[in-house]
Amino acid sequence: MGAASFAVLERGLSIVYLESAMCRHKAGQMTATLLAILLGSTASRAIPPKVRVTAKGLEVERVSTECPIIYDNDWWSDIPDDAYLWAKASLGQCDLRANIVSRDMWEWRKGYKFSMDQCMKQCRTLLQQARASGLRSIPDPIAGSSQALQRPASGRIADTKFQRTPGSDCIVAEAKKATPAKPLLVFCGGPCTTVACAYLTDPSIAKRMIVFQIDGGGYNGKDSWSWQIVQQHCVFANWAHGYFWPKVGKWDPKRFDSLPRNPLCDALRKYARTGLAAANQWGDGPWILWLFDRRCLTSAKLWNKTAITVPKEGTNLKAMADEFFKTMADPAVYRSVKPDTKR
């Protein structure tokens, strides 16, 4: 996610599990040939995540902090949720397996507005700030997809040409280690390209992971074919459809003044007072914050009968802020560096 204006796709998409696939290499690319998809004329369809609302907030079946996690994003300094998730990893409160950098696919049909190097540089800069502030247990970034997927002339997902990357291979490997009962949670804050390539590499992983997407119908849906692939074939949970942060409410950048003085929190303070922060607020973090505090999201509904989405009124900004600042103010996050009280 990296823009303040968003275009909403209106098409209804479905989630379908495809049970078998065969892949072949050609000119450095993979062409997936999916076999035995249909039994007669009936396709096997995925069941959307089961949800229920409790006194603690929204519950999604099979999802807990015990599940392995992959964080996949394009930009890393226009949001605060990556720092928050890393703080949880530093506290030993989550099983973060990988940080994947996927390219921002803005204007990809015109040759891309941003480079993969720009996105990777942002991640590495933030990682340096985090480690200099004493955070531990943060995986080094790995490269995801740098090329948008194009809809084949046939319109068949099976004919999509794609390239494997370290990021897509990582998703496949970690999903295979997971189980349907304890799935891999992929928090996708940018395009779905890397996740789509992972699925096309091995469709069997669909049963072993849940993809959490932010604003997939808008800025993060720029690679629309990848977005369709993931929605049609992976268990999918969405936040923000027809709205974004400014329509939910305002946050208070002054609260960032209470955070410790260190390179990471200094960067967060700087971000909090920008116009970008006013538009992006908690960035790609609704599902991440909710994972650790169910009060952050209070409702969800079926979306096109196959996925779930959170309505605007189901977002609790106060709970998100309270959870974020409670975590980021915890001295144990910065355990290997003493706070600098003179700054």
Protein backbone atom coordinates (compact mmCIF):
# COMPACT_ATOMS: atom_id res chain seq x y z
CA MET A 1 0.00 0.00 0.00
CA GLY A 2 1.45 3.35 -0.89
CA ALA A 3 -1.10 5.92 -2.12
CA ALA A 4 -3.82 8.12 -0.68
CA SER A 5 -6.38 7.61 -3.44
CA PHE A 6 -7.99 4.31 -4.30
CA ALA A 7 -10.06 2.82 -7.13
CA VAL A 8 -12.51 0.08 -6.15
CA LEU A 9 -13.05 -2.97 -8.33
CA GLU A 10 -16.69 -3.94 -8.42
CA ARG A 11 -16.49 -7.43 -9.80
CA GLY A 12 -17.52 -10.39 -7.67
CA LEU A 13 -14.76 -12.95 -7.32
CA SER A 14 -14.82 -16.47 -5.91
CA ILE A 15 -12.47 -18.70 -3.94
CA VAL A 16 -11.98 -22.15 -5.36
CA TYR A 17 -9.61 -24.89 -4.28
CA LEU A 18 -7.85 -26.62 -7.17
CA GLU A 19 -6.60 -29.98 -6.08
CA SER A 20 -4.00 -30.97 -8.65
CA ALA A 21 -1.38 -29.26 -10.84
CA MET A 22 1.56 -30.00 -13.07
CA CYS A 23 4.16 -27.37 -13.90
CA ARG A 24 6.87 -27.14 -16.56
CA HIS A 25 9.81 -24.74 -17.04
CA LYS A 26 10.20 -22.72 -20.23
CA ALA A 27 12.53 -19.72 -20.82
CA GLY A 28 12.89 -19.05 -17.12
CA GLN A 29 9.13 -18.96 -16.58
CA MET A 30 6.60 -21.47 -15.32
CA THR A 31 3.45 -22.37 -17.22
CA ALA A 32 0.97 -24.10 -14.96
CA THR A 33 -1.23 -26.82 -16.41
CA LEU A 34 -3.98 -27.70 -13.99
CA LEU A 35 -5.48 -31.17 -14.38
CA ALA A 36 -8.60 -32.87 -13.12
CA ILE A 37 -10.22 -29.65 -11.89
CA LEU A 38 -13.77 -30.71 -12.50
CA LEU A 39 -15.66 -33.83 -11.53
CA GLY A 40 -18.43 -33.84 -14.09
CA SER A 41 -19.53 -30.21 -14.22
CA THR A 42 -19.07 -29.31 -10.56
CA ALA A 43 -15.96 -27.48 -9.34
CA SER A 44 -14.71 -27.99 -5.81
CA ARG A 45 -15.29 -24.71 -3.98
CA ALA A 46 -13.58 -23.45 -0.87
CA ILE A 47 -15.56 -22.80 2.26
CA PRO A 48 -14.98 -19.21 3.47
CA PRO A 49 -13.45 -18.76 6.92
CA LYS A 50 -16.01 -19.26 9.64
CA VAL A 51 -16.42 -16.22 11.87
CA ARG A 52 -18.27 -15.40 15.04
CA VAL A 53 -18.53 -12.33 17.23
CA THR A 54 -17.82 -12.70 20.94
CA ALA A 55 -17.49 -10.32 23.85
CA LYS A 56 -13.81 -10.07 22.94
CA GLY A 57 -14.47 -9.15 19.32
CA LEU A 58 -14.28 -10.99 16.01
CA GLU A 59 -13.11 -14.61 15.96
CA VAL A 60 -12.02 -16.41 12.80
CA GLU A 61 -11.86 -20.18 12.95
CA ARG A 62 -8.35 -21.75 12.89
CA VAL A 63 -6.60 -18.39 13.37
CA SER A 64 -4.45 -17.79 16.45
CA THR A 65 -1.12 -16.28 17.44
CA GLU A 66 0.27 -19.83 17.41
CA CYS A 67 0.02 -19.98 13.61
CA PRO A 68 3.16 -19.34 11.52
CA ILE A 69 3.19 -15.91 9.85
CA ILE A 70 4.56 -14.39 6.66
CA TYR A 71 4.45 -10.63 6.10
CA ASP A 72 4.41 -9.52 2.46
CA ASN A 73 4.47 -5.84 1.48
CA ASP A 74 5.71 -3.39 -1.12
CA TRP A 75 6.36 -0.19 0.90
CA TRP A 76 7.69 -0.23 4.44
CA SER A 77 7.85 3.38 5.64
CA ASP A 78 4.32 4.58 4.82
CA ILE A 79 2.77 2.35 7.48
CA PRO A 80 3.37 1.47 11.16
CA ASP A 81 2.17 -2.13 11.18
CA ASP A 82 5.45 -3.68 10.05
CA ALA A 83 7.22 -2.17 13.07
CA TYR A 84 4.41 -3.44 15.30
CA LEU A 85 4.64 -6.99 13.96
CA TRP A 86 8.41 -6.94 14.38
CA ALA A 87 7.93 -5.78 17.97
CA LYS A 88 5.70 -8.81 18.57
CA ALA A 89 8.40 -11.04 17.06
CA SER A 90 11.00 -9.41 19.30
CA LEU A 91 8.79 -10.15 22.31
CA GLY A 92 8.51 -13.78 21.23
CA GLN A 93 4.74 -13.41 20.87
CA CYS A 94 4.49 -14.58 17.26
CA ASP A 95 6.11 -17.03 14.87
CA LEU A 96 7.26 -14.71 12.07
CA ARG A 97 8.80 -16.87 9.36
CA ALA A 98 9.57 -14.30 6.65
CA ASN A 99 9.44 -10.71 5.45
CA ILE A 100 8.76 -10.66 1.71
CA VAL A 101 9.26 -7.57 -0.42
CA SER A 102 6.96 -7.44 -3.45
CA ARG A 103 7.24 -4.67 -5.99
CA ASP A 104 4.67 -1.88 -6.08
CA MET A 105 2.82 -2.64 -9.32
CA TRP A 106 1.54 0.90 -9.88
CA GLU A 107 1.31 1.69 -13.61
CA TRP A 108 2.85 -1.66 -14.50
CA ARG A 109 1.26 -1.54 -17.93
CA LYS A 110 3.28 1.61 -18.64
CA GLY A 111 6.54 0.12 -17.41
CA TYR A 112 6.14 0.50 -13.61
CA LYS A 113 6.39 3.74 -11.67
CA PHE A 114 8.56 2.26 -8.91
CA SER A 115 11.46 -0.17 -8.93
CA MET A 116 11.95 -3.29 -6.89
CA ASP A 117 15.17 -1.76 -5.54
CA GLN A 118 13.20 1.16 -4.07
CA CYS A 119 10.88 -1.19 -2.22
CA MET A 120 13.72 -3.39 -0.98
CA LYS A 121 15.71 -0.35 0.17
CA GLN A 122 12.82 0.82 2.33
CA CYS A 123 12.55 -2.56 4.01
CA ARG A 124 16.28 -2.77 4.69
CA THR A 125 16.35 0.76 6.10
CA LEU A 126 13.51 -0.02 8.50
CA LEU A 127 15.20 -3.27 9.48
CA GLN A 128 18.41 -1.42 10.30
CA GLN A 129 16.43 1.01 12.47
CA ALA A 130 14.69 -1.86 14.24
CA ARG A 131 17.87 -3.76 14.98
CA ALA A 132 19.65 -0.59 16.09
CA SER A 133 16.76 -0.12 18.53
CA GLY A 134 17.27 -3.56 20.03
CA LEU A 135 14.65 -5.65 18.26
CA ARG A 136 15.49 -9.29 17.66
CA SER A 137 14.10 -12.30 15.81
CA ILE A 138 13.32 -10.35 12.63
CA PRO A 139 14.00 -12.31 9.43
CA ASP A 140 16.05 -10.67 6.69
CA PRO A 141 13.92 -9.51 3.75
CA ILE A 142 13.61 -11.75 0.73
CA ALA A 143 12.53 -10.76 -2.76
CA GLY A 144 9.07 -11.52 -3.97
CA SER A 145 7.57 -10.81 -7.36
CA SER A 146 8.76 -7.87 -9.44
CA GLN A 147 6.54 -8.49 -12.48
CA ALA A 148 2.76 -8.31 -12.57
CA LEU A 149 0.92 -11.35 -13.87
CA GLN A 150 -0.92 -10.90 -17.12
CA ARG A 151 -4.26 -12.40 -17.96
CA PRO A 152 -3.64 -14.99 -20.71
CA ALA A 153 -5.50 -14.71 -23.99
CA SER A 154 -7.49 -17.81 -23.07
CA GLY A 155 -8.67 -16.22 -19.85
CA ARG A 156 -7.76 -19.44 -18.04
CA ILE A 157 -5.75 -19.16 -14.84
CA ALA A 158 -4.12 -22.46 -15.79
CA ASP A 159 -2.44 -20.72 -18.73
CA THR A 160 -0.91 -17.91 -16.66
CA LYS A 161 2.82 -17.43 -17.15
CA PHE A 162 4.71 -16.65 -13.98
CA GLN A 163 8.14 -16.60 -12.42
CA ARG A 164 9.10 -18.25 -9.16
CA THR A 165 10.98 -16.05 -6.71
CA PRO A 166 12.62 -16.62 -3.32
CA GLY A 167 9.47 -15.10 -1.81
CA SER A 168 7.00 -17.35 -3.62
CA ASP A 169 9.15 -20.41 -2.88
CA CYS A 170 9.22 -19.40 0.79
CA ILE A 171 5.42 -19.25 0.90
CA VAL A 172 5.21 -22.71 -0.65
CA ALA A 173 7.75 -24.14 1.78
CA GLU A 174 6.17 -22.63 4.88
CA ALA A 175 2.64 -23.55 3.80
CA LYS A 176 3.73 -27.18 3.35
CA LYS A 177 4.99 -27.15 6.95
CA ALA A 178 1.62 -25.84 8.14
CA THR A 179 -1.61 -27.79 8.44
CA PRO A 180 -5.27 -27.06 7.66
CA ALA A 181 -5.88 -26.93 11.42
CA LYS A 182 -2.95 -24.56 12.05
CA PRO A 183 -2.52 -22.73 8.75
CA LEU A 184 0.12 -20.31 7.54
CA LEU A 185 -1.13 -16.73 7.87
CA VAL A 186 -0.01 -14.51 4.99
CA PHE A 187 -0.55 -10.82 5.67
CA CYS A 188 -0.49 -9.18 2.26
CA GLY A 189 -0.11 -5.39 2.43
CA GLY A 190 0.83 -4.90 -1.21
CA PRO A 191 -0.08 -6.71 -4.42
CA CYS A 192 -1.04 -10.38 -4.34
CA THR A 193 1.52 -11.27 -7.02
CA THR A 194 3.94 -13.25 -4.86
CA VAL A 195 1.11 -15.18 -3.23
CA ALA A 196 -0.41 -15.91 -6.63
CA CYS A 197 2.92 -17.23 -7.92
CA ALA A 198 3.22 -19.45 -4.87
CA TYR A 199 -0.22 -20.87 -5.54
CA LEU A 200 0.55 -21.45 -9.22
CA THR A 201 3.75 -23.25 -8.21
CA ASP A 202 1.87 -25.65 -5.94
CA PRO A 203 -1.94 -25.36 -5.72
CA SER A 204 -2.05 -27.80 -2.80
CA ILE A 205 -0.89 -25.05 -0.42
CA ALA A 206 -4.32 -23.39 -0.63
CA LYS A 207 -5.64 -25.67 2.10
CA ARG A 208 -2.75 -24.82 4.40
CA MET A 209 -2.83 -21.02 4.40
CA ILE A 210 -5.13 -18.04 4.87
CA VAL A 211 -4.43 -14.81 3.01
CA PHE A 212 -5.31 -11.53 4.72
CA GLN A 213 -5.54 -8.71 2.21
CA ILE A 214 -5.81 -4.96 2.77
CA ASP A 215 -7.63 -2.81 0.22
CA GLY A 216 -7.34 -5.50 -2.42
CA GLY A 217 -10.04 -3.87 -4.51
CA GLY A 218 -8.16 -0.57 -4.63
CA TYR A 219 -4.50 0.39 -4.61
CA ASN A 220 -3.34 -3.05 -3.57
CA GLY A 221 -5.31 -4.62 -6.39
CA LYS A 222 -3.26 -2.98 -9.15
CA ASP A 223 -2.11 -6.40 -10.34
CA SER A 224 -5.72 -7.40 -10.84
CA TRP A 225 -5.03 -10.82 -12.36
CA SER A 226 -2.98 -11.91 -9.34
CA TRP A 227 -5.71 -10.56 -7.10
CA GLN A 228 -8.27 -12.68 -8.95
CA ILE A 229 -6.11 -15.80 -8.73
CA VAL A 230 -5.68 -15.48 -4.98
CA GLN A 231 -9.35 -14.70 -4.40
CA GLN A 232 -10.51 -17.56 -6.56
CA HIS A 233 -8.18 -20.20 -5.15
CA CYS A 234 -7.06 -19.26 -1.62
CA VAL A 235 -8.91 -18.83 1.65
CA PHE A 236 -9.30 -15.08 1.72
CA ALA A 237 -10.10 -12.36 4.26
CA ASN A 238 -10.38 -8.73 3.19
CA TRP A 239 -10.39 -5.36 4.92
CA ALA A 240 -11.52 -2.13 3.18
CA HIS A 241 -13.89 -2.45 0.26
CA GLY A 242 -15.33 0.87 -0.85
CA TYR A 243 -13.72 2.74 2.06
CA PHE A 244 -10.34 3.48 3.57
CA TRP A 245 -8.93 5.00 6.76
CA PRO A 246 -10.18 8.59 6.33
CA LYS A 247 -13.73 7.22 6.12
CA VAL A 248 -13.24 5.21 9.31
CA GLY A 249 -11.97 8.04 11.51
CA LYS A 250 -8.95 10.09 12.55
CA TRP A 251 -5.99 9.11 14.66
CA ASP A 252 -3.90 11.19 17.04
CA PRO A 253 -0.26 11.55 15.94
CA LYS A 254 0.62 13.09 19.31
CA ARG A 255 0.37 9.66 20.93
CA PHE A 256 3.60 8.72 19.16
CA ASP A 257 5.43 11.21 21.40
CA SER A 258 5.07 8.74 24.27
CA LEU A 259 7.13 6.05 22.54
CA PRO A 260 10.77 5.39 23.51
CA ARG A 261 13.55 7.42 21.91
CA ASN A 262 15.30 5.14 19.47
CA PRO A 263 15.78 4.95 15.68
CA LEU A 264 12.65 2.87 15.08
CA CYS A 265 10.28 4.95 17.17
CA ASP A 266 11.83 8.16 15.84
CA ALA A 267 10.93 6.97 12.34
CA LEU A 268 7.38 6.23 13.49
CA ARG A 269 7.05 9.71 15.02
CA LYS A 270 8.23 11.26 11.76
CA TYR A 271 5.72 9.21 9.78
CA ALA A 272 2.84 10.02 12.11
CA ARG A 273 2.90 13.73 11.27
CA THR A 274 2.92 13.41 7.48
CA GLY A 275 0.03 13.80 5.10
CA LEU A 276 0.59 10.20 4.06
CA ALA A 277 -0.03 9.10 7.63
CA ALA A 278 -3.29 11.03 7.72
CA ALA A 279 -4.43 8.97 4.73
CA ASN A 280 -2.86 5.62 5.61
CA GLN A 281 -3.11 5.74 9.42
CA TRP A 282 -2.70 2.13 10.63
CA GLY A 283 -1.70 1.17 7.11
CA ASP A 284 -1.90 -2.52 6.33
CA GLY A 285 -2.36 -3.42 9.97
CA PRO A 286 -6.06 -4.12 10.70
CA TRP A 287 -5.75 -7.90 10.54
CA ILE A 288 -2.33 -7.88 12.22
CA LEU A 289 -3.49 -5.77 15.16
CA TRP A 290 -6.64 -7.90 15.37
CA LEU A 291 -4.57 -11.09 15.57
CA PHE A 292 -3.27 -9.97 18.96
CA ASP A 293 -6.36 -8.12 20.18
CA ARG A 294 -9.73 -9.31 18.91
CA ARG A 295 -11.35 -6.01 19.91
CA CYS A 296 -9.72 -4.32 16.91
CA LEU A 297 -12.27 -5.82 14.51
CA THR A 298 -15.82 -6.35 15.65
CA SER A 299 -17.66 -7.81 12.66
CA ALA A 300 -17.26 -9.47 9.28
CA LYS A 301 -19.57 -10.67 6.56
CA LEU A 302 -19.55 -12.90 3.53
CA TRP A 303 -18.16 -11.19 0.46
CA ASN A 304 -19.46 -12.54 -2.87
CA LYS A 305 -20.42 -15.72 -1.00
CA THR A 306 -16.87 -17.08 -0.89
CA ALA A 307 -14.67 -14.70 1.16
CA ILE A 308 -15.10 -12.58 4.24
CA THR A 309 -14.72 -8.82 4.47
CA VAL A 310 -14.87 -6.33 7.33
CA PRO A 311 -17.43 -3.53 6.95
CA LYS A 312 -16.36 0.00 7.81
CA GLU A 313 -18.28 -0.05 11.08
CA GLY A 314 -16.44 -3.23 12.09
CA THR A 315 -13.14 -1.36 12.66
CA ASN A 316 -12.35 -0.22 16.20
CA LEU A 317 -9.75 2.56 15.95
CA LYS A 318 -9.44 3.02 19.71
CA ALA A 319 -8.68 -0.64 20.27
CA MET A 320 -6.09 -0.57 17.47
CA ALA A 321 -4.34 2.46 18.94
CA ASP A 322 -4.37 1.03 22.45
CA GLU A 323 -2.92 -2.28 21.28
CA PHE A 324 -0.26 -0.61 19.13
CA PHE A 325 1.02 1.78 21.79
CA LYS A 326 0.90 -0.82 24.56
CA THR A 327 3.18 -3.03 22.51
CA MET A 328 5.53 -0.37 21.17
CA ALA A 329 6.01 1.13 24.64
CA ASP A 330 7.01 -2.21 26.18
CA PRO A 331 10.71 -1.98 27.21
CA ALA A 332 11.11 -5.71 26.52
CA VAL A 333 10.75 -5.02 22.79
CA TYR A 334 14.08 -3.17 22.85
CA ARG A 335 15.78 -5.64 25.14
CA SER A 336 19.32 -5.49 23.76
CA VAL A 337 19.66 -1.69 23.78
CA LYS A 338 19.20 0.67 26.71
CA PRO A 339 16.77 3.52 26.00
CA ASP A 340 18.35 6.87 25.21
CA THR A 341 16.68 9.27 27.66
CA LYS A 342 18.77 12.26 26.52
CA ARG A 343 17.32 12.47 23.03
